[in-house]
Amino acid sequence: MRRTAINPWTYPEGMDQGILVEGHQRLLFVSGQCSVSATGESLHPGDMAAQTAAALDNVETVLRAAGMGPADIVRMNTYVTDVDTFFAEAGEMMAERLGAYDIRPPGVCAEVTRLGRPELLVELEAFAAN
């Protein structure tokens, strides 16, 4: 599979504007993942950074179950209940974690009124190809 970053502009930093994927055979659409345990209990109430890390762990779990990994992510959408808190407490950690796999997936970061449970602060939706 060939991945080519498409960046006609120099902003915003931290994410590619597009990813051209060629020669792939499989696509995986990962449902929104939150900070929940394997049995569905909410984790880390009130802690944006810990919830983001747990949601990333859950995205990775789904990827691994499909025989993929974080390096296969080609798009990631981030939904948060407070975008300022997300960038202040979790944005850099998330960028570093994804950067460890040499990816800067394009996507959306959107503030929403609430997620599926009132205690959840972040939800990550990913698309992967290999």
N, C-alpha and C. Protein backbone atom coordinates (compact mmCIF):
# COMPACT_ATOMS: atom_id res chain seq x y z
N MET A 1 0.84 -1.18 0.00
CA MET A 1 0.00 0.00 0.00
C MET A 1 0.89 1.24 0.00
N ARG A 2 0.52 2.21 -0.79
CA ARG A 2 1.23 3.48 -0.83
C ARG A 2 0.35 4.56 -0.21
N ARG A 3 0.95 5.33 0.68
CA ARG A 3 0.28 6.47 1.30
C ARG A 3 1.04 7.72 0.89
N THR A 4 0.32 8.69 0.39
CA THR A 4 0.95 9.95 0.02
C THR A 4 0.21 11.08 0.72
N ALA A 5 0.95 11.85 1.52
CA ALA A 5 0.34 13.01 2.17
C ALA A 5 0.09 14.09 1.12
N ILE A 6 -1.08 14.69 1.18
CA ILE A 6 -1.45 15.78 0.29
C ILE A 6 -1.62 17.03 1.15
N ASN A 7 -0.73 18.00 0.94
CA ASN A 7 -0.74 19.22 1.75
C ASN A 7 -0.54 20.45 0.87
N PRO A 8 -1.62 20.95 0.24
CA PRO A 8 -1.47 22.12 -0.60
C PRO A 8 -1.22 23.41 0.19
N TRP A 9 -1.49 23.39 1.50
CA TRP A 9 -1.25 24.54 2.37
C TRP A 9 -0.34 24.12 3.50
N THR A 10 0.20 25.08 4.22
CA THR A 10 1.09 24.78 5.34
C THR A 10 0.36 24.79 6.68
N TYR A 11 -0.94 24.93 6.67
CA TYR A 11 -1.71 24.91 7.90
C TYR A 11 -2.82 23.89 7.80
N PRO A 12 -3.48 23.43 8.81
CA PRO A 12 -3.00 23.55 10.18
C PRO A 12 -1.88 22.56 10.41
N GLU A 13 -1.02 22.90 11.31
CA GLU A 13 0.07 21.98 11.64
C GLU A 13 -0.50 20.79 12.40
N GLY A 14 0.16 19.66 12.28
CA GLY A 14 -0.24 18.50 13.06
C GLY A 14 -1.12 17.50 12.35
N MET A 15 -1.61 17.86 11.16
CA MET A 15 -2.40 16.89 10.42
C MET A 15 -2.22 17.13 8.93
N ASP A 16 -2.27 16.06 8.17
CA ASP A 16 -2.22 16.17 6.72
C ASP A 16 -3.61 16.59 6.22
N GLN A 17 -3.64 17.37 5.16
CA GLN A 17 -4.91 17.80 4.57
C GLN A 17 -5.60 16.65 3.85
N GLY A 18 -4.83 15.74 3.35
CA GLY A 18 -5.38 14.57 2.68
C GLY A 18 -4.37 13.45 2.67
N ILE A 19 -4.84 12.23 2.51
CA ILE A 19 -3.99 11.06 2.37
C ILE A 19 -4.48 10.32 1.14
N LEU A 20 -3.61 10.19 0.15
CA LEU A 20 -3.92 9.41 -1.03
C LEU A 20 -3.45 7.98 -0.75
N VAL A 21 -4.39 7.03 -0.79
CA VAL A 21 -4.08 5.63 -0.50
C VAL A 21 -4.23 4.85 -1.80
N GLU A 22 -3.15 4.17 -2.19
CA GLU A 22 -3.16 3.38 -3.43
C GLU A 22 -2.61 1.99 -3.14
N GLY A 23 -3.10 1.02 -3.85
CA GLY A 23 -2.59 -0.34 -3.72
C GLY A 23 -3.05 -1.06 -2.47
N HIS A 24 -4.09 -0.59 -1.84
CA HIS A 24 -4.58 -1.25 -0.62
C HIS A 24 -5.57 -2.35 -1.00
N GLN A 25 -5.77 -3.26 -0.06
CA GLN A 25 -6.72 -4.34 -0.28
C GLN A 25 -7.85 -4.34 0.73
N ARG A 26 -7.62 -3.73 1.90
CA ARG A 26 -8.64 -3.79 2.94
C ARG A 26 -8.90 -2.41 3.52
N LEU A 27 -10.16 -2.14 3.83
CA LEU A 27 -10.58 -0.92 4.52
C LEU A 27 -11.27 -1.31 5.81
N LEU A 28 -11.00 -0.57 6.87
CA LEU A 28 -11.66 -0.81 8.15
C LEU A 28 -12.25 0.51 8.63
N PHE A 29 -13.52 0.49 8.96
CA PHE A 29 -14.20 1.65 9.51
C PHE A 29 -14.42 1.38 11.00
N VAL A 30 -13.72 2.11 11.85
CA VAL A 30 -13.78 1.87 13.29
C VAL A 30 -14.85 2.77 13.89
N SER A 31 -15.82 2.15 14.53
CA SER A 31 -16.89 2.87 15.20
C SER A 31 -16.30 3.80 16.25
N GLY A 32 -17.05 4.83 16.62
CA GLY A 32 -16.57 5.75 17.64
C GLY A 32 -16.18 5.01 18.91
N GLN A 33 -14.96 5.27 19.36
CA GLN A 33 -14.44 4.62 20.56
C GLN A 33 -14.28 5.66 21.66
N CYS A 34 -14.74 5.29 22.86
CA CYS A 34 -14.69 6.18 24.02
C CYS A 34 -13.85 5.53 25.11
N SER A 35 -13.81 6.18 26.22
CA SER A 35 -13.09 5.69 27.38
C SER A 35 -13.97 4.72 28.16
N VAL A 36 -14.05 3.49 27.64
CA VAL A 36 -14.83 2.45 28.30
C VAL A 36 -13.99 1.18 28.40
N SER A 37 -14.29 0.38 29.39
CA SER A 37 -13.57 -0.88 29.59
C SER A 37 -14.08 -1.93 28.60
N ALA A 38 -13.43 -3.08 28.60
CA ALA A 38 -13.83 -4.17 27.71
C ALA A 38 -15.24 -4.66 28.02
N THR A 39 -15.74 -4.38 29.22
CA THR A 39 -17.10 -4.79 29.58
C THR A 39 -18.09 -3.62 29.52
N GLY A 40 -17.62 -2.46 29.05
CA GLY A 40 -18.52 -1.34 28.81
C GLY A 40 -18.64 -0.29 29.88
N GLU A 41 -17.89 -0.44 30.99
CA GLU A 41 -17.98 0.59 32.04
C GLU A 41 -17.19 1.82 31.61
N SER A 42 -17.74 2.99 31.91
CA SER A 42 -17.04 4.24 31.64
C SER A 42 -15.80 4.34 32.53
N LEU A 43 -14.72 4.88 31.96
CA LEU A 43 -13.46 5.04 32.68
C LEU A 43 -13.08 6.52 32.77
N HIS A 44 -12.39 6.89 33.82
CA HIS A 44 -11.76 8.20 34.00
C HIS A 44 -12.72 9.39 33.90
N PRO A 45 -13.83 9.38 34.64
CA PRO A 45 -14.76 10.50 34.57
C PRO A 45 -14.05 11.82 34.89
N GLY A 46 -14.31 12.84 34.06
CA GLY A 46 -13.77 14.16 34.30
C GLY A 46 -12.33 14.38 33.86
N ASP A 47 -11.67 13.36 33.33
CA ASP A 47 -10.25 13.47 32.96
C ASP A 47 -10.09 13.34 31.44
N MET A 48 -10.00 14.47 30.75
CA MET A 48 -9.94 14.49 29.29
C MET A 48 -8.73 13.72 28.77
N ALA A 49 -7.56 13.92 29.37
CA ALA A 49 -6.34 13.25 28.88
C ALA A 49 -6.45 11.73 29.06
N ALA A 50 -6.89 11.28 30.21
CA ALA A 50 -7.01 9.84 30.45
C ALA A 50 -8.08 9.23 29.56
N GLN A 51 -9.18 9.95 29.34
CA GLN A 51 -10.23 9.43 28.45
C GLN A 51 -9.72 9.35 27.01
N THR A 52 -8.95 10.33 26.58
CA THR A 52 -8.40 10.30 25.22
C THR A 52 -7.46 9.13 25.05
N ALA A 53 -6.59 8.89 26.04
CA ALA A 53 -5.65 7.76 25.98
C ALA A 53 -6.42 6.44 25.93
N ALA A 54 -7.46 6.31 26.74
CA ALA A 54 -8.25 5.07 26.76
C ALA A 54 -8.99 4.88 25.43
N ALA A 55 -9.51 5.97 24.86
CA ALA A 55 -10.18 5.86 23.55
C ALA A 55 -9.19 5.44 22.47
N LEU A 56 -7.97 6.00 22.51
CA LEU A 56 -6.93 5.57 21.57
C LEU A 56 -6.59 4.10 21.76
N ASP A 57 -6.51 3.65 23.01
CA ASP A 57 -6.27 2.23 23.28
C ASP A 57 -7.36 1.38 22.64
N ASN A 58 -8.61 1.82 22.75
CA ASN A 58 -9.72 1.06 22.19
C ASN A 58 -9.69 1.06 20.67
N VAL A 59 -9.32 2.18 20.06
CA VAL A 59 -9.15 2.20 18.60
C VAL A 59 -8.10 1.18 18.20
N GLU A 60 -6.98 1.19 18.92
CA GLU A 60 -5.90 0.24 18.61
C GLU A 60 -6.35 -1.21 18.80
N THR A 61 -7.17 -1.49 19.79
CA THR A 61 -7.69 -2.84 20.02
C THR A 61 -8.51 -3.30 18.82
N VAL A 62 -9.37 -2.42 18.30
CA VAL A 62 -10.18 -2.78 17.13
C VAL A 62 -9.27 -3.00 15.92
N LEU A 63 -8.30 -2.12 15.73
CA LEU A 63 -7.36 -2.28 14.62
C LEU A 63 -6.63 -3.62 14.70
N ARG A 64 -6.12 -3.94 15.87
CA ARG A 64 -5.38 -5.21 16.05
C ARG A 64 -6.27 -6.41 15.79
N ALA A 65 -7.55 -6.33 16.20
CA ALA A 65 -8.48 -7.43 15.96
C ALA A 65 -8.69 -7.67 14.47
N ALA A 66 -8.46 -6.63 13.66
CA ALA A 66 -8.60 -6.76 12.21
C ALA A 66 -7.26 -7.02 11.53
N GLY A 67 -6.21 -7.27 12.32
CA GLY A 67 -4.89 -7.51 11.75
C GLY A 67 -4.23 -6.23 11.24
N MET A 68 -4.59 -5.12 11.82
CA MET A 68 -4.04 -3.82 11.45
C MET A 68 -3.42 -3.17 12.67
N GLY A 69 -2.88 -1.98 12.48
CA GLY A 69 -2.31 -1.22 13.58
C GLY A 69 -2.50 0.26 13.34
N PRO A 70 -2.07 1.08 14.30
CA PRO A 70 -2.23 2.53 14.15
C PRO A 70 -1.60 3.10 12.88
N ALA A 71 -0.54 2.50 12.39
CA ALA A 71 0.10 3.00 11.17
C ALA A 71 -0.82 2.89 9.96
N ASP A 72 -1.90 2.12 10.06
CA ASP A 72 -2.85 1.95 8.96
C ASP A 72 -3.97 2.99 8.97
N ILE A 73 -4.02 3.84 10.00
CA ILE A 73 -5.08 4.85 10.07
C ILE A 73 -4.87 5.88 8.95
N VAL A 74 -5.94 6.13 8.21
CA VAL A 74 -5.89 7.13 7.14
C VAL A 74 -6.82 8.32 7.41
N ARG A 75 -7.67 8.22 8.40
CA ARG A 75 -8.54 9.33 8.80
C ARG A 75 -8.98 9.08 10.24
N MET A 76 -9.05 10.16 11.02
CA MET A 76 -9.56 10.04 12.39
C MET A 76 -10.38 11.28 12.72
N ASN A 77 -11.60 11.05 13.15
CA ASN A 77 -12.47 12.14 13.60
C ASN A 77 -12.51 12.13 15.12
N THR A 78 -12.44 13.32 15.70
CA THR A 78 -12.41 13.48 17.15
C THR A 78 -13.59 14.33 17.57
N TYR A 79 -14.41 13.79 18.44
CA TYR A 79 -15.57 14.49 18.97
C TYR A 79 -15.35 14.70 20.45
N VAL A 80 -15.44 15.94 20.91
CA VAL A 80 -15.19 16.27 22.31
C VAL A 80 -16.29 17.16 22.85
N THR A 81 -16.48 17.12 24.15
CA THR A 81 -17.48 17.98 24.77
C THR A 81 -16.93 19.36 25.10
N ASP A 82 -15.60 19.52 25.05
CA ASP A 82 -14.98 20.83 25.28
C ASP A 82 -13.68 20.88 24.50
N VAL A 83 -13.69 21.56 23.36
CA VAL A 83 -12.53 21.56 22.48
C VAL A 83 -11.33 22.27 23.12
N ASP A 84 -11.56 23.32 23.90
CA ASP A 84 -10.44 24.01 24.55
C ASP A 84 -9.75 23.10 25.56
N THR A 85 -10.53 22.38 26.34
CA THR A 85 -9.94 21.44 27.31
C THR A 85 -9.21 20.33 26.59
N PHE A 86 -9.77 19.84 25.49
CA PHE A 86 -9.10 18.78 24.73
C PHE A 86 -7.72 19.24 24.27
N PHE A 87 -7.63 20.41 23.65
CA PHE A 87 -6.33 20.88 23.15
C PHE A 87 -5.38 21.19 24.30
N ALA A 88 -5.88 21.71 25.41
CA ALA A 88 -5.03 22.03 26.55
C ALA A 88 -4.51 20.78 27.27
N GLU A 89 -5.33 19.73 27.35
CA GLU A 89 -4.99 18.58 28.18
C GLU A 89 -4.63 17.31 27.41
N ALA A 90 -5.09 17.16 26.16
CA ALA A 90 -4.94 15.87 25.49
C ALA A 90 -4.44 15.95 24.06
N GLY A 91 -4.57 17.09 23.41
CA GLY A 91 -4.22 17.19 21.99
C GLY A 91 -2.77 16.83 21.69
N GLU A 92 -1.86 17.35 22.48
CA GLU A 92 -0.44 17.07 22.24
C GLU A 92 -0.12 15.59 22.45
N MET A 93 -0.67 15.00 23.50
CA MET A 93 -0.45 13.58 23.77
C MET A 93 -0.97 12.73 22.61
N MET A 94 -2.15 13.08 22.09
CA MET A 94 -2.71 12.33 20.98
C MET A 94 -1.83 12.47 19.74
N ALA A 95 -1.37 13.67 19.45
CA ALA A 95 -0.48 13.90 18.30
C ALA A 95 0.82 13.11 18.46
N GLU A 96 1.36 13.07 19.66
CA GLU A 96 2.60 12.31 19.90
C GLU A 96 2.37 10.82 19.71
N ARG A 97 1.25 10.33 20.21
CA ARG A 97 0.96 8.90 20.07
C ARG A 97 0.81 8.51 18.62
N LEU A 98 0.09 9.30 17.84
CA LEU A 98 -0.07 9.00 16.43
C LEU A 98 1.24 9.24 15.69
N GLY A 99 1.98 10.26 16.08
CA GLY A 99 3.27 10.55 15.46
C GLY A 99 4.28 9.43 15.63
N ALA A 100 4.14 8.66 16.70
CA ALA A 100 5.04 7.51 16.91
C ALA A 100 4.90 6.50 15.79
N TYR A 101 3.77 6.52 15.08
CA TYR A 101 3.54 5.63 13.95
C TYR A 101 3.72 6.37 12.62
N ASP A 102 4.24 7.59 12.70
CA ASP A 102 4.50 8.42 11.53
C ASP A 102 3.23 8.70 10.75
N ILE A 103 2.15 8.98 11.48
CA ILE A 103 0.89 9.35 10.83
C ILE A 103 0.39 10.67 11.38
N ARG A 104 -0.27 11.43 10.55
CA ARG A 104 -0.95 12.68 10.90
C ARG A 104 -2.28 12.66 10.17
N PRO A 105 -3.19 11.78 10.57
CA PRO A 105 -4.40 11.56 9.77
C PRO A 105 -5.28 12.79 9.67
N PRO A 106 -5.79 13.04 8.47
CA PRO A 106 -6.78 14.10 8.33
C PRO A 106 -8.05 13.70 9.06
N GLY A 107 -8.84 14.68 9.41
CA GLY A 107 -10.09 14.38 10.09
C GLY A 107 -10.72 15.64 10.63
N VAL A 108 -11.70 15.44 11.47
CA VAL A 108 -12.47 16.52 12.06
C VAL A 108 -12.25 16.50 13.56
N CYS A 109 -12.13 17.68 14.15
CA CYS A 109 -12.20 17.80 15.61
C CYS A 109 -13.40 18.70 15.86
N ALA A 110 -14.43 18.15 16.47
CA ALA A 110 -15.68 18.89 16.66
C ALA A 110 -16.11 18.85 18.12
N GLU A 111 -16.59 19.98 18.59
CA GLU A 111 -17.18 20.05 19.92
C GLU A 111 -18.66 19.71 19.78
N VAL A 112 -19.10 18.79 20.64
CA VAL A 112 -20.49 18.35 20.63
C VAL A 112 -21.12 18.63 22.00
N THR A 113 -22.42 18.69 22.03
CA THR A 113 -23.11 18.97 23.28
C THR A 113 -22.89 17.87 24.30
N ARG A 114 -22.97 16.63 23.84
CA ARG A 114 -22.68 15.49 24.71
C ARG A 114 -22.48 14.26 23.86
N LEU A 115 -21.90 13.25 24.47
CA LEU A 115 -21.70 11.97 23.81
C LEU A 115 -22.74 10.98 24.33
N GLY A 116 -22.56 9.70 24.06
CA GLY A 116 -23.57 8.70 24.41
C GLY A 116 -23.87 8.58 25.89
N ARG A 117 -22.93 8.97 26.73
CA ARG A 117 -23.13 8.99 28.19
C ARG A 117 -22.63 10.33 28.69
N PRO A 118 -23.28 10.89 29.68
CA PRO A 118 -22.90 12.24 30.13
C PRO A 118 -21.47 12.33 30.68
N GLU A 119 -20.92 11.24 31.19
CA GLU A 119 -19.56 11.29 31.77
C GLU A 119 -18.46 11.19 30.72
N LEU A 120 -18.81 10.86 29.48
CA LEU A 120 -17.81 10.72 28.42
C LEU A 120 -17.48 12.08 27.82
N LEU A 121 -16.18 12.34 27.60
CA LEU A 121 -15.70 13.63 27.14
C LEU A 121 -15.15 13.59 25.72
N VAL A 122 -14.76 12.40 25.24
CA VAL A 122 -14.12 12.29 23.92
C VAL A 122 -14.54 10.99 23.23
N GLU A 123 -14.69 11.06 21.93
CA GLU A 123 -14.99 9.87 21.12
C GLU A 123 -14.16 9.97 19.84
N LEU A 124 -13.50 8.87 19.49
CA LEU A 124 -12.63 8.82 18.32
C LEU A 124 -13.17 7.83 17.30
N GLU A 125 -13.27 8.28 16.07
CA GLU A 125 -13.74 7.45 14.96
C GLU A 125 -12.58 7.36 13.96
N ALA A 126 -12.22 6.15 13.56
CA ALA A 126 -11.06 5.99 12.69
C ALA A 126 -11.40 5.19 11.43
N PHE A 127 -10.62 5.46 10.40
CA PHE A 127 -10.70 4.73 9.13
C PHE A 127 -9.29 4.24 8.85
N ALA A 128 -9.14 2.97 8.50
CA ALA A 128 -7.82 2.39 8.26
C ALA A 128 -7.81 1.64 6.94
N ALA A 129 -6.64 1.55 6.33
CA ALA A 129 -6.48 0.82 5.08
C ALA A 129 -5.12 0.15 5.08
N ASN A 130 -5.08 -1.05 4.48
CA ASN A 130 -3.79 -1.71 4.25
C ASN A 130 -3.88 -2.63 3.06
